[in-house]
Amino acid sequence: MQVPPVPDCPDGAAALKADLDLEERQLQRYRDRVAEAGELGLPDVAEALRPLLEQTQDHVIDLRDALGR
């Protein structure tokens, strides 16, 4: 696993934006994995990923709200 570099954030808004970018990318990865699990006939895997997807969706919504989007 490779961890992306932590961006240099000069202020709180920049930090929230960087976090939002990371969360949006993770959200797409979870969506892709849930779809992939469904296509492979692995409903238990898809079901196990759904809470993580939902939690990440909530984070994206909260960050967008905090940034006024």
PDB file of N, CA and C in Angstrom:
ATOM      1  N   MET A   1       0.852  -1.178   0.000  1.00  0.00           N
ATOM      2  CA  MET A   1       0.000   0.000   0.000  1.00  0.00           C
ATOM      3  C   MET A   1       0.888   1.228   0.000  1.00  0.00           C
ATOM      4  N   GLN A   2       0.521   2.178  -0.809  1.00  0.00           N
ATOM      5  CA  GLN A   2       1.285   3.410  -0.881  1.00  0.00           C
ATOM      6  C   GLN A   2       0.415   4.563  -0.383  1.00  0.00           C
ATOM      7  N   VAL A   3       0.933   5.290   0.575  1.00  0.00           N
ATOM      8  CA  VAL A   3       0.220   6.423   1.151  1.00  0.00           C
ATOM      9  C   VAL A   3       0.605   7.671   0.375  1.00  0.00           C
ATOM     10  N   PRO A   4      -0.406   8.449  -0.072  1.00  0.00           N
ATOM     11  CA  PRO A   4      -0.076   9.669  -0.805  1.00  0.00           C
ATOM     12  C   PRO A   4       0.596  10.687   0.114  1.00  0.00           C
ATOM     13  N   PRO A   5       1.410  11.557  -0.461  1.00  0.00           N
ATOM     14  CA  PRO A   5       2.056  12.576   0.366  1.00  0.00           C
ATOM     15  C   PRO A   5       1.018  13.524   0.978  1.00  0.00           C
ATOM     16  N   VAL A   6       1.327  14.021   2.145  1.00  0.00           N
ATOM     17  CA  VAL A   6       0.444  14.968   2.824  1.00  0.00           C
ATOM     18  C   VAL A   6       0.716  16.354   2.252  1.00  0.00           C
ATOM     19  N   PRO A   7      -0.334  16.994   1.720  1.00  0.00           N
ATOM     20  CA  PRO A   7      -0.117  18.324   1.142  1.00  0.00           C
ATOM     21  C   PRO A   7       0.189  19.372   2.202  1.00  0.00           C
ATOM     22  N   ASP A   8       0.948  20.361   1.818  1.00  0.00           N
ATOM     23  CA  ASP A   8       1.245  21.479   2.706  1.00  0.00           C
ATOM     24  C   ASP A   8       0.053  22.431   2.673  1.00  0.00           C
ATOM     25  N   CYS A   9      -0.585  22.640   3.804  1.00  0.00           N
ATOM     26  CA  CYS A   9      -1.788  23.460   3.865  1.00  0.00           C
ATOM     27  C   CYS A   9      -1.523  24.706   4.699  1.00  0.00           C
ATOM     28  N   PRO A  10      -1.565  25.872   4.053  1.00  0.00           N
ATOM     29  CA  PRO A  10      -1.245  27.105   4.765  1.00  0.00           C
ATOM     30  C   PRO A  10      -2.325  27.573   5.743  1.00  0.00           C
ATOM     31  N   ASP A  11      -3.555  27.050   5.580  1.00  0.00           N
ATOM     32  CA  ASP A  11      -4.631  27.483   6.476  1.00  0.00           C
ATOM     33  C   ASP A  11      -5.694  26.394   6.588  1.00  0.00           C
ATOM     34  N   GLY A  12      -6.677  26.648   7.419  1.00  0.00           N
ATOM     35  CA  GLY A  12      -7.728  25.669   7.661  1.00  0.00           C
ATOM     36  C   GLY A  12      -8.542  25.336   6.428  1.00  0.00           C
ATOM     37  N   ALA A  13      -8.856  26.348   5.612  1.00  0.00           N
ATOM     38  CA  ALA A  13      -9.640  26.107   4.400  1.00  0.00           C
ATOM     39  C   ALA A  13      -8.879  25.200   3.437  1.00  0.00           C
ATOM     40  N   ALA A  14      -7.588  25.418   3.317  1.00  0.00           N
ATOM     41  CA  ALA A  14      -6.771  24.579   2.443  1.00  0.00           C
ATOM     42  C   ALA A  14      -6.722  23.147   2.974  1.00  0.00           C
ATOM     43  N   ALA A  15      -6.654  22.995   4.291  1.00  0.00           N
ATOM     44  CA  ALA A  15      -6.642  21.665   4.883  1.00  0.00           C
ATOM     45  C   ALA A  15      -7.967  20.948   4.628  1.00  0.00           C
ATOM     46  N   LEU A  16      -9.086  21.674   4.769  1.00  0.00           N
ATOM     47  CA  LEU A  16     -10.392  21.075   4.487  1.00  0.00           C
ATOM     48  C   LEU A  16     -10.507  20.675   3.021  1.00  0.00           C
ATOM     49  N   LYS A  17     -10.017  21.514   2.133  1.00  0.00           N
ATOM     50  CA  LYS A  17     -10.052  21.211   0.698  1.00  0.00           C
ATOM     51  C   LYS A  17      -9.218  19.977   0.392  1.00  0.00           C
ATOM     52  N   ALA A  18      -8.030  19.878   0.990  1.00  0.00           N
ATOM     53  CA  ALA A  18      -7.178  18.708   0.770  1.00  0.00           C
ATOM     54  C   ALA A  18      -7.864  17.450   1.300  1.00  0.00           C
ATOM     55  N   ASP A  19      -8.504  17.554   2.460  1.00  0.00           N
ATOM     56  CA  ASP A  19      -9.221  16.420   3.027  1.00  0.00           C
ATOM     57  C   ASP A  19     -10.394  16.029   2.137  1.00  0.00           C
ATOM     58  N   LEU A  20     -11.104  17.014   1.617  1.00  0.00           N
ATOM     59  CA  LEU A  20     -12.218  16.742   0.717  1.00  0.00           C
ATOM     60  C   LEU A  20     -11.735  16.005  -0.526  1.00  0.00           C
ATOM     61  N   ASP A  21     -10.635  16.437  -1.096  1.00  0.00           N
ATOM     62  CA  ASP A  21     -10.095  15.770  -2.287  1.00  0.00           C
ATOM     63  C   ASP A  21      -9.781  14.302  -1.987  1.00  0.00           C
ATOM     64  N   LEU A  22      -9.158  14.052  -0.845  1.00  0.00           N
ATOM     65  CA  LEU A  22      -8.831  12.679  -0.452  1.00  0.00           C
ATOM     66  C   LEU A  22     -10.096  11.845  -0.237  1.00  0.00           C
ATOM     67  N   GLU A  23     -11.067  12.420   0.447  1.00  0.00           N
ATOM     68  CA  GLU A  23     -12.315  11.693   0.725  1.00  0.00           C
ATOM     69  C   GLU A  23     -13.085  11.396  -0.556  1.00  0.00           C
ATOM     70  N   GLU A  24     -13.091  12.334  -1.506  1.00  0.00           N
ATOM     71  CA  GLU A  24     -13.797  12.105  -2.768  1.00  0.00           C
ATOM     72  C   GLU A  24     -13.136  10.976  -3.561  1.00  0.00           C
ATOM     73  N   ARG A  25     -11.824  10.915  -3.547  1.00  0.00           N
ATOM     74  CA  ARG A  25     -11.127   9.824  -4.238  1.00  0.00           C
ATOM     75  C   ARG A  25     -11.422   8.489  -3.556  1.00  0.00           C
ATOM     76  N   GLN A  26     -11.429   8.490  -2.225  1.00  0.00           N
ATOM     77  CA  GLN A  26     -11.735   7.256  -1.501  1.00  0.00           C
ATOM     78  C   GLN A  26     -13.173   6.822  -1.745  1.00  0.00           C
ATOM     79  N   LEU A  27     -14.083   7.758  -1.812  1.00  0.00           N
ATOM     80  CA  LEU A  27     -15.479   7.455  -2.086  1.00  0.00           C
ATOM     81  C   LEU A  27     -15.609   6.742  -3.429  1.00  0.00           C
ATOM     82  N   GLN A  28     -14.909   7.233  -4.431  1.00  0.00           N
ATOM     83  CA  GLN A  28     -14.964   6.601  -5.752  1.00  0.00           C
ATOM     84  C   GLN A  28     -14.369   5.193  -5.706  1.00  0.00           C
ATOM     85  N   ARG A  29     -13.296   5.021  -4.942  1.00  0.00           N
ATOM     86  CA  ARG A  29     -12.704   3.676  -4.806  1.00  0.00           C
ATOM     87  C   ARG A  29     -13.694   2.713  -4.152  1.00  0.00           C
ATOM     88  N   TYR A  30     -14.378   3.155  -3.107  1.00  0.00           N
ATOM     89  CA  TYR A  30     -15.378   2.288  -2.466  1.00  0.00           C
ATOM     90  C   TYR A  30     -16.515   1.966  -3.437  1.00  0.00           C
ATOM     91  N   ARG A  31     -16.983   2.942  -4.170  1.00  0.00           N
ATOM     92  CA  ARG A  31     -18.045   2.683  -5.152  1.00  0.00           C
ATOM     93  C   ARG A  31     -17.592   1.652  -6.180  1.00  0.00           C
ATOM     94  N   ASP A  32     -16.372   1.813  -6.663  1.00  0.00           N
ATOM     95  CA  ASP A  32     -15.831   0.865  -7.636  1.00  0.00           C
ATOM     96  C   ASP A  32     -15.743  -0.541  -7.051  1.00  0.00           C
ATOM     97  N   ARG A  33     -15.295  -0.648  -5.799  1.00  0.00           N
ATOM     98  CA  ARG A  33     -15.136  -1.962  -5.169  1.00  0.00           C
ATOM     99  C   ARG A  33     -16.490  -2.617  -4.895  1.00  0.00           C
ATOM    100  N   VAL A  34     -17.481  -1.841  -4.506  1.00  0.00           N
ATOM    101  CA  VAL A  34     -18.822  -2.394  -4.284  1.00  0.00           C
ATOM    102  C   VAL A  34     -19.371  -2.918  -5.606  1.00  0.00           C
ATOM    103  N   ALA A  35     -19.221  -2.147  -6.666  1.00  0.00           N
ATOM    104  CA  ALA A  35     -19.687  -2.583  -7.983  1.00  0.00           C
ATOM    105  C   ALA A  35     -18.930  -3.833  -8.433  1.00  0.00           C
ATOM    106  N   GLU A  36     -17.632  -3.833  -8.234  1.00  0.00           N
ATOM    107  CA  GLU A  36     -16.810  -4.977  -8.618  1.00  0.00           C
ATOM    108  C   GLU A  36     -17.233  -6.239  -7.856  1.00  0.00           C
ATOM    109  N   ALA A  37     -17.476  -6.097  -6.562  1.00  0.00           N
ATOM    110  CA  ALA A  37     -17.911  -7.244  -5.758  1.00  0.00           C
ATOM    111  C   ALA A  37     -19.244  -7.784  -6.277  1.00  0.00           C
ATOM    112  N   GLY A  38     -20.140  -6.879  -6.649  1.00  0.00           N
ATOM    113  CA  GLY A  38     -21.420  -7.305  -7.207  1.00  0.00           C
ATOM    114  C   GLY A  38     -21.242  -8.054  -8.515  1.00  0.00           C
ATOM    115  N   GLU A  39     -20.378  -7.542  -9.374  1.00  0.00           N
ATOM    116  CA  GLU A  39     -20.119  -8.185 -10.666  1.00  0.00           C
ATOM    117  C   GLU A  39     -19.478  -9.557 -10.497  1.00  0.00           C
ATOM    118  N   LEU A  40     -18.688  -9.733  -9.458  1.00  0.00           N
ATOM    119  CA  LEU A  40     -18.007 -11.003  -9.210  1.00  0.00           C
ATOM    120  C   LEU A  40     -18.871 -11.992  -8.422  1.00  0.00           C
ATOM    121  N   GLY A  41     -20.097 -11.584  -8.112  1.00  0.00           N
ATOM    122  CA  GLY A  41     -20.990 -12.457  -7.363  1.00  0.00           C
ATOM    123  C   GLY A  41     -20.589 -12.600  -5.910  1.00  0.00           C
ATOM    124  N   LEU A  42     -20.088 -11.521  -5.328  1.00  0.00           N
ATOM    125  CA  LEU A  42     -19.658 -11.521  -3.932  1.00  0.00           C
ATOM    126  C   LEU A  42     -20.510 -10.537  -3.117  1.00  0.00           C
ATOM    127  N   PRO A  43     -21.776 -10.865  -2.924  1.00  0.00           N
ATOM    128  CA  PRO A  43     -22.659  -9.917  -2.225  1.00  0.00           C
ATOM    129  C   PRO A  43     -22.230  -9.642  -0.784  1.00  0.00           C
ATOM    130  N   ASP A  44     -21.611 -10.625  -0.130  1.00  0.00           N
ATOM    131  CA  ASP A  44     -21.164 -10.405   1.256  1.00  0.00           C
ATOM    132  C   ASP A  44     -20.059  -9.359   1.318  1.00  0.00           C
ATOM    133  N   VAL A  45     -19.180  -9.362   0.336  1.00  0.00           N
ATOM    134  CA  VAL A  45     -18.102  -8.372   0.286  1.00  0.00           C
ATOM    135  C   VAL A  45     -18.700  -6.983   0.031  1.00  0.00           C
ATOM    136  N   ALA A  46     -19.623  -6.915  -0.929  1.00  0.00           N
ATOM    137  CA  ALA A  46     -20.281  -5.637  -1.224  1.00  0.00           C
ATOM    138  C   ALA A  46     -20.989  -5.112   0.014  1.00  0.00           C
ATOM    139  N   GLU A  47     -21.662  -5.991   0.729  1.00  0.00           N
ATOM    140  CA  GLU A  47     -22.395  -5.579   1.938  1.00  0.00           C
ATOM    141  C   GLU A  47     -21.440  -5.095   3.028  1.00  0.00           C
ATOM    142  N   ALA A  48     -20.287  -5.739   3.143  1.00  0.00           N
ATOM    143  CA  ALA A  48     -19.298  -5.329   4.154  1.00  0.00           C
ATOM    144  C   ALA A  48     -18.720  -3.956   3.830  1.00  0.00           C
ATOM    145  N   LEU A  49     -18.640  -3.608   2.550  1.00  0.00           N
ATOM    146  CA  LEU A  49     -18.078  -2.316   2.146  1.00  0.00           C
ATOM    147  C   LEU A  49     -19.079  -1.166   2.254  1.00  0.00           C
ATOM    148  N   ARG A  50     -20.358  -1.473   2.226  1.00  0.00           N
ATOM    149  CA  ARG A  50     -21.376  -0.407   2.234  1.00  0.00           C
ATOM    150  C   ARG A  50     -21.283   0.552   3.422  1.00  0.00           C
ATOM    151  N   PRO A  51     -21.062   0.065   4.660  1.00  0.00           N
ATOM    152  CA  PRO A  51     -20.928   1.023   5.772  1.00  0.00           C
ATOM    153  C   PRO A  51     -19.745   1.975   5.593  1.00  0.00           C
ATOM    154  N   LEU A  52     -18.651   1.480   5.037  1.00  0.00           N
ATOM    155  CA  LEU A  52     -17.501   2.350   4.780  1.00  0.00           C
ATOM    156  C   LEU A  52     -17.833   3.384   3.708  1.00  0.00           C
ATOM    157  N   LEU A  53     -18.547   2.936   2.680  1.00  0.00           N
ATOM    158  CA  LEU A  53     -18.966   3.856   1.621  1.00  0.00           C
ATOM    159  C   LEU A  53     -19.883   4.935   2.191  1.00  0.00           C
ATOM    160  N   GLU A  54     -20.843   4.530   3.005  1.00  0.00           N
ATOM    161  CA  GLU A  54     -21.786   5.488   3.592  1.00  0.00           C
ATOM    162  C   GLU A  54     -21.077   6.474   4.513  1.00  0.00           C
ATOM    163  N   GLN A  55     -20.136   5.981   5.309  1.00  0.00           N
ATOM    164  CA  GLN A  55     -19.388   6.865   6.208  1.00  0.00           C
ATOM    165  C   GLN A  55     -18.564   7.872   5.409  1.00  0.00           C
ATOM    166  N   THR A  56     -17.969   7.421   4.340  1.00  0.00           N
ATOM    167  CA  THR A  56     -17.171   8.315   3.497  1.00  0.00           C
ATOM    168  C   THR A  56     -18.071   9.336   2.804  1.00  0.00           C
ATOM    169  N   GLN A  57     -19.255   8.910   2.368  1.00  0.00           N
ATOM    170  CA  GLN A  57     -20.217   9.854   1.789  1.00  0.00           C
ATOM    171  C   GLN A  57     -20.574  10.941   2.797  1.00  0.00           C
ATOM    172  N   ASP A  58     -20.791  10.544   4.043  1.00  0.00           N
ATOM    173  CA  ASP A  58     -21.107  11.517   5.085  1.00  0.00           C
ATOM    174  C   ASP A  58     -19.956  12.500   5.289  1.00  0.00           C
ATOM    175  N   HIS A  59     -18.723  12.000   5.255  1.00  0.00           N
ATOM    176  CA  HIS A  59     -17.561  12.888   5.400  1.00  0.00           C
ATOM    177  C   HIS A  59     -17.501  13.890   4.256  1.00  0.00           C
ATOM    178  N   VAL A  60     -17.752  13.419   3.043  1.00  0.00           N
ATOM    179  CA  VAL A  60     -17.732  14.313   1.875  1.00  0.00           C
ATOM    180  C   VAL A  60     -18.790  15.397   2.035  1.00  0.00           C
ATOM    181  N   ILE A  61     -19.978  15.010   2.444  1.00  0.00           N
ATOM    182  CA  ILE A  61     -21.058  15.989   2.630  1.00  0.00           C
ATOM    183  C   ILE A  61     -20.670  17.015   3.693  1.00  0.00           C
ATOM    184  N   ASP A  62     -20.144  16.536   4.818  1.00  0.00           N
ATOM    185  CA  ASP A  62     -19.746  17.445   5.903  1.00  0.00           C
ATOM    186  C   ASP A  62     -18.648  18.405   5.463  1.00  0.00           C
ATOM    187  N   LEU A  63     -17.670  17.898   4.735  1.00  0.00           N
ATOM    188  CA  LEU A  63     -16.580  18.756   4.264  1.00  0.00           C
ATOM    189  C   LEU A  63     -17.072  19.777   3.250  1.00  0.00           C
ATOM    190  N   ARG A  64     -17.955  19.342   2.360  1.00  0.00           N
ATOM    191  CA  ARG A  64     -18.524  20.290   1.381  1.00  0.00           C
ATOM    192  C   ARG A  64     -19.315  21.384   2.102  1.00  0.00           C
ATOM    193  N   ASP A  65     -20.079  20.988   3.115  1.00  0.00           N
ATOM    194  CA  ASP A  65     -20.827  21.978   3.905  1.00  0.00           C
ATOM    195  C   ASP A  65     -19.875  22.966   4.581  1.00  0.00           C
ATOM    196  N   ALA A  66     -18.804  22.443   5.169  1.00  0.00           N
ATOM    197  CA  ALA A  66     -17.843  23.296   5.864  1.00  0.00           C
ATOM    198  C   ALA A  66     -17.167  24.287   4.905  1.00  0.00           C
ATOM    199  N   LEU A  67     -17.029  23.860   3.649  1.00  0.00           N
ATOM    200  CA  LEU A  67     -16.397  24.725   2.645  1.00  0.00           C
ATOM    201  C   LEU A  67     -17.413  25.589   1.897  1.00  0.00           C
ATOM    202  N   GLY A  68     -18.700  25.446   2.247  1.00  0.00           N
ATOM    203  CA  GLY A  68     -19.735  26.261   1.611  1.00  0.00           C
ATOM    204  C   GLY A  68     -20.047  25.838   0.192  1.00  0.00           C
ATOM    205  N   ARG A  69     -19.930  24.563  -0.075  1.00  0.00           N
ATOM    206  CA  ARG A  69     -20.211  24.051  -1.429  1.00  0.00           C
ATOM    207  C   ARG A  69     -21.549  23.397  -1.499  1.00  0.00           C
TER     208      ARG A  69
END
